[in-house]
Amino acid sequence: MLGTHANRATLAVARKLVAYLLAVDRSGQEFQPRTMAEKETGCLEEQFAVPAP
């Protein structure tokens, strides 16, 4: 039974990842690498904001 739950969890994560990547792709914004200041402070709020459809 554990295998079934693990497969469902894996598929759920995969679906969320695909939805996020498609939303980012549709936004049309160019890739912007993080600056050193963002890396040091751990400020990632803008990095993970999913654009509105």
C-alpha atoms as a PDB file:
ATOM      1  CA  MET A   1       0.000   0.000   0.000  1.00  0.00           C
ATOM      2  CA  LEU A   2       2.883   2.380   0.678  1.00  0.00           C
ATOM      3  CA  GLY A   3       3.993   2.243  -2.967  1.00  0.00           C
ATOM      4  CA  THR A   4       0.616   3.487  -4.156  1.00  0.00           C
ATOM      5  CA  HIS A   5       0.720   6.483  -1.838  1.00  0.00           C
ATOM      6  CA  ALA A   6       4.276   7.298  -2.854  1.00  0.00           C
ATOM      7  CA  ASN A   7       3.307   7.189  -6.527  1.00  0.00           C
ATOM      8  CA  ARG A   8       0.342   9.476  -5.918  1.00  0.00           C
ATOM      9  CA  ALA A   9       2.504  11.936  -4.022  1.00  0.00           C
ATOM     10  CA  THR A  10       5.117  11.903  -6.789  1.00  0.00           C
ATOM     11  CA  LEU A  11       2.472  12.560  -9.427  1.00  0.00           C
ATOM     12  CA  ALA A  12       0.964  15.387  -7.365  1.00  0.00           C
ATOM     13  CA  VAL A  13       4.340  17.089  -7.055  1.00  0.00           C
ATOM     14  CA  ALA A  14       5.009  16.591 -10.768  1.00  0.00           C
ATOM     15  CA  ARG A  15       1.648  18.150 -11.677  1.00  0.00           C
ATOM     16  CA  LYS A  16       2.329  21.190  -9.488  1.00  0.00           C
ATOM     17  CA  LEU A  17       5.797  21.595 -10.970  1.00  0.00           C
ATOM     18  CA  VAL A  18       4.453  21.433 -14.528  1.00  0.00           C
ATOM     19  CA  ALA A  19       1.713  23.966 -13.687  1.00  0.00           C
ATOM     20  CA  TYR A  20       4.329  26.330 -12.224  1.00  0.00           C
ATOM     21  CA  LEU A  21       6.673  25.964 -15.210  1.00  0.00           C
ATOM     22  CA  LEU A  22       3.837  26.560 -17.681  1.00  0.00           C
ATOM     23  CA  ALA A  23       2.746  29.677 -15.774  1.00  0.00           C
ATOM     24  CA  VAL A  24       6.298  31.019 -15.820  1.00  0.00           C
ATOM     25  CA  ASP A  25       6.601  30.244 -19.533  1.00  0.00           C
ATOM     26  CA  ARG A  26       3.321  32.039 -20.320  1.00  0.00           C
ATOM     27  CA  SER A  27       4.441  35.151 -18.417  1.00  0.00           C
ATOM     28  CA  GLY A  28       6.888  35.930 -21.226  1.00  0.00           C
ATOM     29  CA  GLN A  29       9.427  37.457 -18.852  1.00  0.00           C
ATOM     30  CA  GLU A  30      13.076  36.848 -19.548  1.00  0.00           C
ATOM     31  CA  PHE A  31      15.145  34.855 -17.098  1.00  0.00           C
ATOM     32  CA  GLN A  32      16.848  37.068 -14.502  1.00  0.00           C
ATOM     33  CA  PRO A  33      19.610  35.474 -12.440  1.00  0.00           C
ATOM     34  CA  ARG A  34      19.644  36.229  -8.721  1.00  0.00           C
ATOM     35  CA  THR A  35      21.986  38.957  -7.535  1.00  0.00           C
ATOM     36  CA  MET A  36      24.604  38.375  -4.849  1.00  0.00           C
ATOM     37  CA  ALA A  37      22.538  40.385  -2.349  1.00  0.00           C
ATOM     38  CA  GLU A  38      19.515  38.146  -2.907  1.00  0.00           C
ATOM     39  CA  LYS A  39      21.656  35.028  -2.453  1.00  0.00           C
ATOM     40  CA  GLU A  40      23.131  36.322   0.811  1.00  0.00           C
ATOM     41  CA  THR A  41      19.848  37.484   2.356  1.00  0.00           C
ATOM     42  CA  GLY A  42      17.802  34.586   1.071  1.00  0.00           C
ATOM     43  CA  CYS A  43      15.215  36.983  -0.350  1.00  0.00           C
ATOM     44  CA  LEU A  44      13.325  34.771  -2.789  1.00  0.00           C
ATOM     45  CA  GLU A  45       9.763  36.115  -2.663  1.00  0.00           C
ATOM     46  CA  GLU A  46       9.925  37.468  -6.208  1.00  0.00           C
ATOM     47  CA  GLN A  47      11.607  34.317  -7.509  1.00  0.00           C
ATOM     48  CA  PHE A  48       8.718  32.049  -6.559  1.00  0.00           C
ATOM     49  CA  ALA A  49       5.756  34.299  -7.330  1.00  0.00           C
ATOM     50  CA  VAL A  50       3.642  32.577  -9.957  1.00  0.00           C
ATOM     51  CA  PRO A  51       2.345  35.037 -12.550  1.00  0.00           C
ATOM     52  CA  ALA A  52      -1.404  35.448 -12.834  1.00  0.00           C
ATOM     53  CA  PRO A  53      -2.937  33.638 -15.822  1.00  0.00           C
END
